[in-house]
PDB file of N, CA and C in Angstrom:
ATOM      1  N   MET A   1       0.844  -1.180   0.000  1.00  0.00           N
ATOM      2  CA  MET A   1       0.000   0.000   0.000  1.00  0.00           C
ATOM      3  C   MET A   1       0.890   1.244   0.000  1.00  0.00           C
ATOM      4  N   LEU A   2       0.500   2.230  -0.773  1.00  0.00           N
ATOM      5  CA  LEU A   2       1.234   3.486  -0.875  1.00  0.00           C
ATOM      6  C   LEU A   2       1.072   4.299   0.397  1.00  0.00           C
ATOM      7  N   GLN A   3       2.194   4.742   0.929  1.00  0.00           N
ATOM      8  CA  GLN A   3       2.139   5.535   2.155  1.00  0.00           C
ATOM      9  C   GLN A   3       2.323   7.014   1.798  1.00  0.00           C
ATOM     10  N   ARG A   4       1.440   7.842   2.276  1.00  0.00           N
ATOM     11  CA  ARG A   4       1.490   9.266   1.976  1.00  0.00           C
ATOM     12  C   ARG A   4       2.368  10.008   2.972  1.00  0.00           C
ATOM     13  N   LYS A   5       3.080  11.007   2.446  1.00  0.00           N
ATOM     14  CA  LYS A   5       3.865  11.878   3.312  1.00  0.00           C
ATOM     15  C   LYS A   5       2.952  12.954   3.876  1.00  0.00           C
ATOM     16  N   PRO A   6       3.215  13.413   5.088  1.00  0.00           N
ATOM     17  CA  PRO A   6       2.402  14.524   5.631  1.00  0.00           C
ATOM     18  C   PRO A   6       2.700  15.807   4.850  1.00  0.00           C
ATOM     19  N   LEU A   7       1.708  16.661   4.747  1.00  0.00           N
ATOM     20  CA  LEU A   7       1.877  17.939   4.063  1.00  0.00           C
ATOM     21  C   LEU A   7       2.767  18.859   4.885  1.00  0.00           C
ATOM     22  N   ASN A   8       3.564  19.650   4.183  1.00  0.00           N
ATOM     23  CA  ASN A   8       4.383  20.643   4.876  1.00  0.00           C
ATOM     24  C   ASN A   8       3.487  21.753   5.405  1.00  0.00           C
ATOM     25  N   GLN A   9       3.860  22.299   6.535  1.00  0.00           N
ATOM     26  CA  GLN A   9       3.107  23.414   7.093  1.00  0.00           C
ATOM     27  C   GLN A   9       3.366  24.664   6.262  1.00  0.00           C
ATOM     28  N   LEU A  10       2.377  25.550   6.246  1.00  0.00           N
ATOM     29  CA  LEU A  10       2.551  26.805   5.529  1.00  0.00           C
ATOM     30  C   LEU A  10       3.580  27.677   6.237  1.00  0.00           C
ATOM     31  N   GLY A  11       4.381  28.362   5.429  1.00  0.00           N
ATOM     32  CA  GLY A  11       5.347  29.296   5.982  1.00  0.00           C
ATOM     33  C   GLY A  11       4.700  30.651   6.217  1.00  0.00           C
ATOM     34  N   LYS A  12       5.517  31.623   6.552  1.00  0.00           N
ATOM     35  CA  LYS A  12       5.031  32.970   6.854  1.00  0.00           C
ATOM     36  C   LYS A  12       4.279  33.577   5.660  1.00  0.00           C
ATOM     37  N   ARG A  13       4.846  33.449   4.459  1.00  0.00           N
ATOM     38  CA  ARG A  13       4.199  34.007   3.263  1.00  0.00           C
ATOM     39  C   ARG A  13       2.920  33.275   2.922  1.00  0.00           C
ATOM     40  N   GLY A  14       2.923  31.960   3.066  1.00  0.00           N
ATOM     41  CA  GLY A  14       1.725  31.171   2.795  1.00  0.00           C
ATOM     42  C   GLY A  14       0.591  31.536   3.741  1.00  0.00           C
ATOM     43  N   LEU A  15       0.925  31.688   5.017  1.00  0.00           N
ATOM     44  CA  LEU A  15      -0.084  32.094   5.998  1.00  0.00           C
ATOM     45  C   LEU A  15      -0.594  33.505   5.704  1.00  0.00           C
ATOM     46  N   ASN A  16       0.320  34.404   5.292  1.00  0.00           N
ATOM     47  CA  ASN A  16      -0.066  35.765   4.945  1.00  0.00           C
ATOM     48  C   ASN A  16      -1.008  35.761   3.724  1.00  0.00           C
ATOM     49  N   ASN A  17      -0.682  34.939   2.723  1.00  0.00           N
ATOM     50  CA  ASN A  17      -1.551  34.830   1.541  1.00  0.00           C
ATOM     51  C   ASN A  17      -2.924  34.290   1.920  1.00  0.00           C
ATOM     52  N   GLN A  18      -2.947  33.293   2.769  1.00  0.00           N
ATOM     53  CA  GLN A  18      -4.205  32.690   3.217  1.00  0.00           C
ATOM     54  C   GLN A  18      -5.071  33.716   3.960  1.00  0.00           C
ATOM     55  N   GLU A  19      -4.460  34.464   4.855  1.00  0.00           N
ATOM     56  CA  GLU A  19      -5.175  35.493   5.614  1.00  0.00           C
ATOM     57  C   GLU A  19      -5.663  36.612   4.689  1.00  0.00           C
ATOM     58  N   SER A  20      -4.821  37.011   3.734  1.00  0.00           N
ATOM     59  CA  SER A  20      -5.199  38.057   2.784  1.00  0.00           C
ATOM     60  C   SER A  20      -6.395  37.621   1.942  1.00  0.00           C
ATOM     61  N   ASN A  21      -6.401  36.383   1.491  1.00  0.00           N
ATOM     62  CA  ASN A  21      -7.536  35.873   0.706  1.00  0.00           C
ATOM     63  C   ASN A  21      -8.818  35.876   1.525  1.00  0.00           C
ATOM     64  N   ARG A  22      -8.718  35.519   2.806  1.00  0.00           N
ATOM     65  CA  ARG A  22      -9.901  35.539   3.676  1.00  0.00           C
ATOM     66  C   ARG A  22     -10.442  36.962   3.785  1.00  0.00           C
ATOM     67  N   LYS A  23      -9.547  37.939   3.990  1.00  0.00           N
ATOM     68  CA  LYS A  23      -9.973  39.333   4.105  1.00  0.00           C
ATOM     69  C   LYS A  23     -10.555  39.847   2.794  1.00  0.00           C
ATOM     70  N   LEU A  24      -9.935  39.475   1.674  1.00  0.00           N
ATOM     71  CA  LEU A  24     -10.444  39.912   0.369  1.00  0.00           C
ATOM     72  C   LEU A  24     -11.828  39.346   0.086  1.00  0.00           C
ATOM     73  N   LYS A  25     -12.043  38.081   0.429  1.00  0.00           N
ATOM     74  CA  LYS A  25     -13.368  37.472   0.219  1.00  0.00           C
ATOM     75  C   LYS A  25     -14.430  38.253   0.980  1.00  0.00           C
ATOM     76  N   ASN A  26     -14.127  38.633   2.203  1.00  0.00           N
ATOM     77  CA  ASN A  26     -15.065  39.406   3.012  1.00  0.00           C
ATOM     78  C   ASN A  26     -15.301  40.793   2.402  1.00  0.00           C
ATOM     79  N   THR A  27     -14.234  41.453   1.979  1.00  0.00           N
ATOM     80  CA  THR A  27     -14.341  42.788   1.372  1.00  0.00           C
ATOM     81  C   THR A  27     -15.216  42.747   0.124  1.00  0.00           C
ATOM     82  N   TYR A  28     -14.949  41.800  -0.762  1.00  0.00           N
ATOM     83  CA  TYR A  28     -15.718  41.704  -2.003  1.00  0.00           C
ATOM     84  C   TYR A  28     -17.177  41.331  -1.723  1.00  0.00           C
ATOM     85  N   TYR A  29     -17.398  40.481  -0.733  1.00  0.00           N
ATOM     86  CA  TYR A  29     -18.770  40.134  -0.346  1.00  0.00           C
ATOM     87  C   TYR A  29     -19.518  41.383   0.114  1.00  0.00           C
ATOM     88  N   LEU A  30     -18.883  42.176   0.978  1.00  0.00           N
ATOM     89  CA  LEU A  30     -19.526  43.384   1.500  1.00  0.00           C
ATOM     90  C   LEU A  30     -19.774  44.418   0.400  1.00  0.00           C
ATOM     91  N   LYS A  31     -18.942  44.444  -0.622  1.00  0.00           N
ATOM     92  CA  LYS A  31     -19.118  45.373  -1.738  1.00  0.00           C
ATOM     93  C   LYS A  31     -20.084  44.829  -2.790  1.00  0.00           C
ATOM     94  N   GLY A  32     -20.516  43.584  -2.634  1.00  0.00           N
ATOM     95  CA  GLY A  32     -21.471  42.989  -3.573  1.00  0.00           C
ATOM     96  C   GLY A  32     -20.854  42.574  -4.903  1.00  0.00           C
ATOM     97  N   ILE A  33     -19.551  42.355  -4.920  1.00  0.00           N
ATOM     98  CA  ILE A  33     -18.872  41.928  -6.145  1.00  0.00           C
ATOM     99  C   ILE A  33     -18.696  40.417  -6.076  1.00  0.00           C
ATOM    100  N   SER A  34     -19.363  39.711  -6.981  1.00  0.00           N
ATOM    101  CA  SER A  34     -19.306  38.252  -6.932  1.00  0.00           C
ATOM    102  C   SER A  34     -19.073  37.618  -8.300  1.00  0.00           C
ATOM    103  N   THR A  35     -18.772  38.432  -9.304  1.00  0.00           N
ATOM    104  CA  THR A  35     -18.484  37.914 -10.640  1.00  0.00           C
ATOM    105  C   THR A  35     -17.209  38.563 -11.172  1.00  0.00           C
ATOM    106  N   CYS A  36     -16.696  38.018 -12.246  1.00  0.00           N
ATOM    107  CA  CYS A  36     -15.485  38.553 -12.874  1.00  0.00           C
ATOM    108  C   CYS A  36     -15.714  40.013 -13.250  1.00  0.00           C
ATOM    109  N   GLU A  37     -14.767  40.854 -12.903  1.00  0.00           N
ATOM    110  CA  GLU A  37     -14.886  42.284 -13.191  1.00  0.00           C
ATOM    111  C   GLU A  37     -14.322  42.654 -14.558  1.00  0.00           C
ATOM    112  N   ILE A  38     -13.599  41.772 -15.195  1.00  0.00           N
ATOM    113  CA  ILE A  38     -12.887  42.121 -16.414  1.00  0.00           C
ATOM    114  C   ILE A  38     -13.708  41.881 -17.676  1.00  0.00           C
ATOM    115  N   HIS A  39     -14.317  40.728 -17.822  1.00  0.00           N
ATOM    116  CA  HIS A  39     -15.224  40.398 -18.937  1.00  0.00           C
ATOM    117  C   HIS A  39     -14.584  40.420 -20.328  1.00  0.00           C
ATOM    118  N   PHE A  40     -13.395  39.845 -20.471  1.00  0.00           N
ATOM    119  CA  PHE A  40     -12.814  39.675 -21.803  1.00  0.00           C
ATOM    120  C   PHE A  40     -13.578  38.572 -22.533  1.00  0.00           C
ATOM    121  N   PRO A  41     -13.452  38.478 -23.862  1.00  0.00           N
ATOM    122  CA  PRO A  41     -14.059  37.343 -24.579  1.00  0.00           C
ATOM    123  C   PRO A  41     -13.551  36.028 -23.982  1.00  0.00           C
ATOM    124  N   GLY A  42     -14.450  35.084 -23.785  1.00  0.00           N
ATOM    125  CA  GLY A  42     -14.097  33.813 -23.157  1.00  0.00           C
ATOM    126  C   GLY A  42     -14.185  33.846 -21.648  1.00  0.00           C
ATOM    127  N   CYS A  43     -14.732  34.917 -21.093  1.00  0.00           N
ATOM    128  CA  CYS A  43     -14.861  35.080 -19.646  1.00  0.00           C
ATOM    129  C   CYS A  43     -15.746  33.975 -19.057  1.00  0.00           C
ATOM    130  N   ALA A  44     -15.331  33.432 -17.941  1.00  0.00           N
ATOM    131  CA  ALA A  44     -16.106  32.400 -17.239  1.00  0.00           C
ATOM    132  C   ALA A  44     -17.107  33.026 -16.267  1.00  0.00           C
ATOM    133  N   TYR A  45     -17.219  34.331 -16.232  1.00  0.00           N
ATOM    134  CA  TYR A  45     -18.170  35.135 -15.485  1.00  0.00           C
ATOM    135  C   TYR A  45     -18.138  34.873 -13.978  1.00  0.00           C
ATOM    136  N   ASN A  46     -18.758  33.810 -13.503  1.00  0.00           N
ATOM    137  CA  ASN A  46     -18.769  33.562 -12.059  1.00  0.00           C
ATOM    138  C   ASN A  46     -18.195  32.189 -11.705  1.00  0.00           C
ATOM    139  N   ASN A  47     -17.451  31.617 -12.610  1.00  0.00           N
ATOM    140  CA  ASN A  47     -16.787  30.337 -12.356  1.00  0.00           C
ATOM    141  C   ASN A  47     -15.279  30.544 -12.277  1.00  0.00           C
ATOM    142  N   PHE A  48     -14.619  29.753 -11.478  1.00  0.00           N
ATOM    143  CA  PHE A  48     -13.163  29.757 -11.378  1.00  0.00           C
ATOM    144  C   PHE A  48     -12.624  31.146 -11.037  1.00  0.00           C
ATOM    145  N   LEU A  49     -13.203  31.787 -10.032  1.00  0.00           N
ATOM    146  CA  LEU A  49     -12.806  33.142  -9.650  1.00  0.00           C
ATOM    147  C   LEU A  49     -11.553  33.143  -8.780  1.00  0.00           C
ATOM    148  N   THR A  50     -10.749  34.174  -8.976  1.00  0.00           N
ATOM    149  CA  THR A  50      -9.508  34.349  -8.231  1.00  0.00           C
ATOM    150  C   THR A  50      -9.226  35.843  -8.118  1.00  0.00           C
ATOM    151  N   PHE A  51      -8.278  36.201  -7.263  1.00  0.00           N
ATOM    152  CA  PHE A  51      -7.920  37.611  -7.117  1.00  0.00           C
ATOM    153  C   PHE A  51      -6.708  37.913  -7.981  1.00  0.00           C
ATOM    154  N   ALA A  52      -6.860  38.874  -8.855  1.00  0.00           N
ATOM    155  CA  ALA A  52      -5.745  39.357  -9.677  1.00  0.00           C
ATOM    156  C   ALA A  52      -5.163  40.564  -8.966  1.00  0.00           C
ATOM    157  N   HIS A  53      -3.853  40.588  -8.839  1.00  0.00           N
ATOM    158  CA  HIS A  53      -3.179  41.697  -8.163  1.00  0.00           C
ATOM    159  C   HIS A  53      -2.571  42.657  -9.167  1.00  0.00           C
ATOM    160  N   ARG A  54      -2.527  43.918  -8.793  1.00  0.00           N
ATOM    161  CA  ARG A  54      -1.979  44.979  -9.641  1.00  0.00           C
ATOM    162  C   ARG A  54      -0.495  44.746  -9.923  1.00  0.00           C
ATOM    163  N   HIS A  55       0.219  44.217  -8.941  1.00  0.00           N
ATOM    164  CA  HIS A  55       1.651  43.939  -9.052  1.00  0.00           C
ATOM    165  C   HIS A  55       1.883  42.462  -8.755  1.00  0.00           C
ATOM    166  N   LYS A  56       3.053  41.981  -9.039  1.00  0.00           N
ATOM    167  CA  LYS A  56       3.415  40.604  -8.684  1.00  0.00           C
ATOM    168  C   LYS A  56       3.465  40.496  -7.162  1.00  0.00           C
ATOM    169  N   ARG A  57       3.163  39.314  -6.652  1.00  0.00           N
ATOM    170  CA  ARG A  57       3.116  39.118  -5.195  1.00  0.00           C
ATOM    171  C   ARG A  57       4.434  39.500  -4.515  1.00  0.00           C
ATOM    172  N   ARG A  58       5.534  39.269  -5.178  1.00  0.00           N
ATOM    173  CA  ARG A  58       6.836  39.594  -4.567  1.00  0.00           C
ATOM    174  C   ARG A  58       6.949  41.084  -4.256  1.00  0.00           C
ATOM    175  N   ASP A  59       6.214  41.906  -4.982  1.00  0.00           N
ATOM    176  CA  ASP A  59       6.243  43.349  -4.747  1.00  0.00           C
ATOM    177  C   ASP A  59       5.544  43.738  -3.445  1.00  0.00           C
ATOM    178  N   TYR A  60       4.752  42.838  -2.907  1.00  0.00           N
ATOM    179  CA  TYR A  60       4.012  43.118  -1.669  1.00  0.00           C
ATOM    180  C   TYR A  60       4.712  42.580  -0.423  1.00  0.00           C
ATOM    181  N   TYR A  61       5.830  41.889  -0.566  1.00  0.00           N
ATOM    182  CA  TYR A  61       6.483  41.277   0.591  1.00  0.00           C
ATOM    183  C   TYR A  61       6.854  42.307   1.651  1.00  0.00           C
ATOM    184  N   GLY A  62       7.288  43.481   1.247  1.00  0.00           N
ATOM    185  CA  GLY A  62       7.640  44.523   2.205  1.00  0.00           C
ATOM    186  C   GLY A  62       6.435  45.248   2.773  1.00  0.00           C
ATOM    187  N   LYS A  63       5.275  45.096   2.129  1.00  0.00           N
ATOM    188  CA  LYS A  63       4.033  45.755   2.565  1.00  0.00           C
ATOM    189  C   LYS A  63       2.898  44.727   2.531  1.00  0.00           C
ATOM    190  N   PRO A  64       2.921  43.742   3.433  1.00  0.00           N
ATOM    191  CA  PRO A  64       1.929  42.661   3.369  1.00  0.00           C
ATOM    192  C   PRO A  64       0.485  43.134   3.514  1.00  0.00           C
ATOM    193  N   GLU A  65       0.266  44.279   4.172  1.00  0.00           N
ATOM    194  CA  GLU A  65      -1.101  44.789   4.310  1.00  0.00           C
ATOM    195  C   GLU A  65      -1.684  45.194   2.956  1.00  0.00           C
ATOM    196  N   MET A  66      -0.828  45.497   1.989  1.00  0.00           N
ATOM    197  CA  MET A  66      -1.302  45.880   0.658  1.00  0.00           C
ATOM    198  C   MET A  66      -1.773  44.671  -0.141  1.00  0.00           C
ATOM    199  N   LEU A  67      -1.376  43.471   0.287  1.00  0.00           N
ATOM    200  CA  LEU A  67      -1.756  42.248  -0.415  1.00  0.00           C
ATOM    201  C   LEU A  67      -3.267  42.057  -0.398  1.00  0.00           C
ATOM    202  N   HIS A  68      -3.938  42.542   0.634  1.00  0.00           N
ATOM    203  CA  HIS A  68      -5.395  42.404   0.706  1.00  0.00           C
ATOM    204  C   HIS A  68      -6.108  43.751   0.549  1.00  0.00           C
ATOM    205  N   SER A  69      -5.450  44.701  -0.071  1.00  0.00           N
ATOM    206  CA  SER A  69      -6.066  46.000  -0.335  1.00  0.00           C
ATOM    207  C   SER A  69      -6.999  45.902  -1.546  1.00  0.00           C
ATOM    208  N   PHE A  70      -8.195  46.421  -1.419  1.00  0.00           N
ATOM    209  CA  PHE A  70      -9.167  46.404  -2.516  1.00  0.00           C
ATOM    210  C   PHE A  70      -8.602  47.108  -3.740  1.00  0.00           C
ATOM    211  N   ASN A  71      -7.899  48.203  -3.548  1.00  0.00           N
ATOM    212  CA  ASN A  71      -7.330  48.972  -4.656  1.00  0.00           C
ATOM    213  C   ASN A  71      -6.257  48.191  -5.416  1.00  0.00           C
ATOM    214  N   GLN A  72      -5.676  47.192  -4.783  1.00  0.00           N
ATOM    215  CA  GLN A  72      -4.597  46.420  -5.391  1.00  0.00           C
ATOM    216  C   GLN A  72      -5.073  45.115  -6.031  1.00  0.00           C
ATOM    217  N   THR A  73      -6.389  44.874  -6.013  1.00  0.00           N
ATOM    218  CA  THR A  73      -6.907  43.602  -6.525  1.00  0.00           C
ATOM    219  C   THR A  73      -8.130  43.790  -7.399  1.00  0.00           C
ATOM    220  N   LEU A  74      -8.362  42.791  -8.243  1.00  0.00           N
ATOM    221  CA  LEU A  74      -9.596  42.671  -9.012  1.00  0.00           C
ATOM    222  C   LEU A  74     -10.082  41.242  -8.841  1.00  0.00           C
ATOM    223  N   LEU A  75     -11.383  41.043  -8.873  1.00  0.00           N
ATOM    224  CA  LEU A  75     -11.923  39.696  -8.893  1.00  0.00           C
ATOM    225  C   LEU A  75     -12.033  39.287 -10.349  1.00  0.00           C
ATOM    226  N   ALA A  76     -11.375  38.195 -10.703  1.00  0.00           N
ATOM    227  CA  ALA A  76     -11.329  37.784 -12.106  1.00  0.00           C
ATOM    228  C   ALA A  76     -11.462  36.271 -12.227  1.00  0.00           C
ATOM    229  N   CYS A  77     -12.102  35.843 -13.304  1.00  0.00           N
ATOM    230  CA  CYS A  77     -12.111  34.416 -13.601  1.00  0.00           C
ATOM    231  C   CYS A  77     -10.714  34.038 -14.074  1.00  0.00           C
ATOM    232  N   VAL A  78     -10.406  32.779 -14.062  1.00  0.00           N
ATOM    233  CA  VAL A  78      -9.070  32.329 -14.441  1.00  0.00           C
ATOM    234  C   VAL A  78      -8.738  32.746 -15.875  1.00  0.00           C
ATOM    235  N   ASN A  79      -9.711  32.694 -16.785  1.00  0.00           N
ATOM    236  CA  ASN A  79      -9.450  33.066 -18.178  1.00  0.00           C
ATOM    237  C   ASN A  79      -9.007  34.524 -18.294  1.00  0.00           C
ATOM    238  N   CYS A  80      -9.731  35.434 -17.666  1.00  0.00           N
ATOM    239  CA  CYS A  80      -9.388  36.858 -17.720  1.00  0.00           C
ATOM    240  C   CYS A  80      -8.105  37.148 -16.939  1.00  0.00           C
ATOM    241  N   HIS A  81      -7.938  36.472 -15.792  1.00  0.00           N
ATOM    242  CA  HIS A  81      -6.734  36.652 -14.990  1.00  0.00           C
ATOM    243  C   HIS A  81      -5.497  36.266 -15.802  1.00  0.00           C
ATOM    244  N   ASN A  82      -5.568  35.160 -16.519  1.00  0.00           N
ATOM    245  CA  ASN A  82      -4.435  34.722 -17.323  1.00  0.00           C
ATOM    246  C   ASN A  82      -4.099  35.721 -18.428  1.00  0.00           C
ATOM    247  N   LYS A  83      -5.104  36.390 -18.965  1.00  0.00           N
ATOM    248  CA  LYS A  83      -4.862  37.365 -20.039  1.00  0.00           C
ATOM    249  C   LYS A  83      -4.113  38.592 -19.537  1.00  0.00           C
ATOM    250  N   ILE A  84      -4.383  39.023 -18.309  1.00  0.00           N
ATOM    251  CA  ILE A  84      -3.673  40.208 -17.801  1.00  0.00           C
ATOM    252  C   ILE A  84      -2.387  39.852 -17.061  1.00  0.00           C
ATOM    253  N   GLU A  85      -2.259  38.611 -16.634  1.00  0.00           N
ATOM    254  CA  GLU A  85      -1.117  38.191 -15.813  1.00  0.00           C
ATOM    255  C   GLU A  85       0.235  38.477 -16.461  1.00  0.00           C
ATOM    256  N   TYR A  86       0.335  38.243 -17.743  1.00  0.00           N
ATOM    257  CA  TYR A  86       1.627  38.367 -18.417  1.00  0.00           C
ATOM    258  C   TYR A  86       1.689  39.553 -19.374  1.00  0.00           C
ATOM    259  N   ASP A  87       0.716  40.448 -19.285  1.00  0.00           N
ATOM    260  CA  ASP A  87       0.702  41.648 -20.126  1.00  0.00           C
ATOM    261  C   ASP A  87       0.634  42.863 -19.210  1.00  0.00           C
ATOM    262  N   LYS A  88       1.788  43.435 -18.919  1.00  0.00           N
ATOM    263  CA  LYS A  88       1.891  44.530 -17.953  1.00  0.00           C
ATOM    264  C   LYS A  88       1.024  45.724 -18.361  1.00  0.00           C
ATOM    265  N   ASN A  89       0.996  46.044 -19.652  1.00  0.00           N
ATOM    266  CA  ASN A  89       0.201  47.185 -20.122  1.00  0.00           C
ATOM    267  C   ASN A  89      -1.292  46.932 -19.969  1.00  0.00           C
ATOM    268  N   LEU A  90      -1.729  45.721 -20.275  1.00  0.00           N
ATOM    269  CA  LEU A  90      -3.141  45.381 -20.126  1.00  0.00           C
ATOM    270  C   LEU A  90      -3.540  45.388 -18.648  1.00  0.00           C
ATOM    271  N   THR A  91      -2.669  44.893 -17.789  1.00  0.00           N
ATOM    272  CA  THR A  91      -2.920  44.923 -16.346  1.00  0.00           C
ATOM    273  C   THR A  91      -3.086  46.362 -15.885  1.00  0.00           C
ATOM    274  N   LYS A  92      -2.155  47.220 -16.272  1.00  0.00           N
ATOM    275  CA  LYS A  92      -2.202  48.628 -15.886  1.00  0.00           C
ATOM    276  C   LYS A  92      -3.492  49.280 -16.383  1.00  0.00           C
ATOM    277  N   GLN A  93      -3.869  48.994 -17.625  1.00  0.00           N
ATOM    278  CA  GLN A  93      -5.093  49.556 -18.212  1.00  0.00           C
ATOM    279  C   GLN A  93      -6.340  49.125 -17.438  1.00  0.00           C
ATOM    280  N   MET A  94      -6.442  47.844 -17.122  1.00  0.00           N
ATOM    281  CA  MET A  94      -7.628  47.339 -16.419  1.00  0.00           C
ATOM    282  C   MET A  94      -7.713  47.915 -15.006  1.00  0.00           C
ATOM    283  N   PHE A  95      -6.594  48.007 -14.315  1.00  0.00           N
ATOM    284  CA  PHE A  95      -6.612  48.557 -12.961  1.00  0.00           C
ATOM    285  C   PHE A  95      -6.930  50.048 -12.969  1.00  0.00           C
ATOM    286  N   LEU A  96      -6.395  50.779 -13.933  1.00  0.00           N
ATOM    287  CA  LEU A  96      -6.730  52.210 -14.036  1.00  0.00           C
ATOM    288  C   LEU A  96      -8.223  52.396 -14.275  1.00  0.00           C
ATOM    289  N   GLU A  97      -8.777  51.568 -15.144  1.00  0.00           N
ATOM    290  CA  GLU A  97     -10.195  51.654 -15.489  1.00  0.00           C
ATOM    291  C   GLU A  97     -11.093  51.278 -14.311  1.00  0.00           C
ATOM    292  N   LEU A  98     -10.711  50.220 -13.581  1.00  0.00           N
ATOM    293  CA  LEU A  98     -11.588  49.690 -12.532  1.00  0.00           C
ATOM    294  C   LEU A  98     -11.272  50.172 -11.112  1.00  0.00           C
ATOM    295  N   ARG A  99     -10.010  50.561 -10.851  1.00  0.00           N
ATOM    296  CA  ARG A  99      -9.625  50.968  -9.495  1.00  0.00           C
ATOM    297  C   ARG A  99      -8.982  52.349  -9.420  1.00  0.00           C
ATOM    298  N   GLY A 100      -8.659  52.931 -10.549  1.00  0.00           N
ATOM    299  CA  GLY A 100      -8.019  54.238 -10.536  1.00  0.00           C
ATOM    300  C   GLY A 100      -6.514  54.114 -10.386  1.00  0.00           C
ATOM    301  N   PRO A 101      -5.857  55.248 -10.081  1.00  0.00           N
ATOM    302  CA  PRO A 101      -4.390  55.249  -9.983  1.00  0.00           C
ATOM    303  C   PRO A 101      -3.883  54.367  -8.848  1.00  0.00           C
ATOM    304  N   ASP A 102      -2.656  53.929  -8.997  1.00  0.00           N
ATOM    305  CA  ASP A 102      -2.014  53.073  -8.006  1.00  0.00           C
ATOM    306  C   ASP A 102      -1.708  53.855  -6.746  1.00  0.00           C
ATOM    307  N   GLN A 103      -2.034  53.279  -5.601  1.00  0.00           N
ATOM    308  CA  GLN A 103      -1.777  53.917  -4.306  1.00  0.00           C
ATOM    309  C   GLN A 103      -0.541  53.350  -3.625  1.00  0.00           C
ATOM    310  N   LEU A 104       0.069  52.327  -4.232  1.00  0.00           N
ATOM    311  CA  LEU A 104       1.218  51.677  -3.617  1.00  0.00           C
ATOM    312  C   LEU A 104       2.469  52.492  -3.904  1.00  0.00           C
ATOM    313  N   ALA A 105       3.088  52.983  -2.843  1.00  0.00           N
ATOM    314  CA  ALA A 105       4.323  53.770  -2.987  1.00  0.00           C
ATOM    315  C   ALA A 105       5.499  52.863  -2.688  1.00  0.00           C
ATOM    316  N   TYR A 106       6.446  52.822  -3.576  1.00  0.00           N
ATOM    317  CA  TYR A 106       7.627  51.974  -3.381  1.00  0.00           C
ATOM    318  C   TYR A 106       8.665  52.703  -2.608  1.00  0.00           C
TER     319      TYR A 106
END
């Protein structure tokens, strides 16, 4: 019989990401946002939702409170999230349109 290894415990960043997701879910619920905000062609609308961040997660390591900031995130289906993930200009355009200017000071 195959014996399974125990899962590794989450580290500091993993726990921070988990807590940030919990806070974001509550924020979006209170704001009444429950579907993809981007709506590109092929949008899954209210399926496979995730939080898209304005910057890469590594940019938030020094400011973990910004990881769960409403201004720094969009609710997006996986299809729309993937389209902006690797296109910096498209990401910037969508965030400007939906959240306004960036409030994160480096």
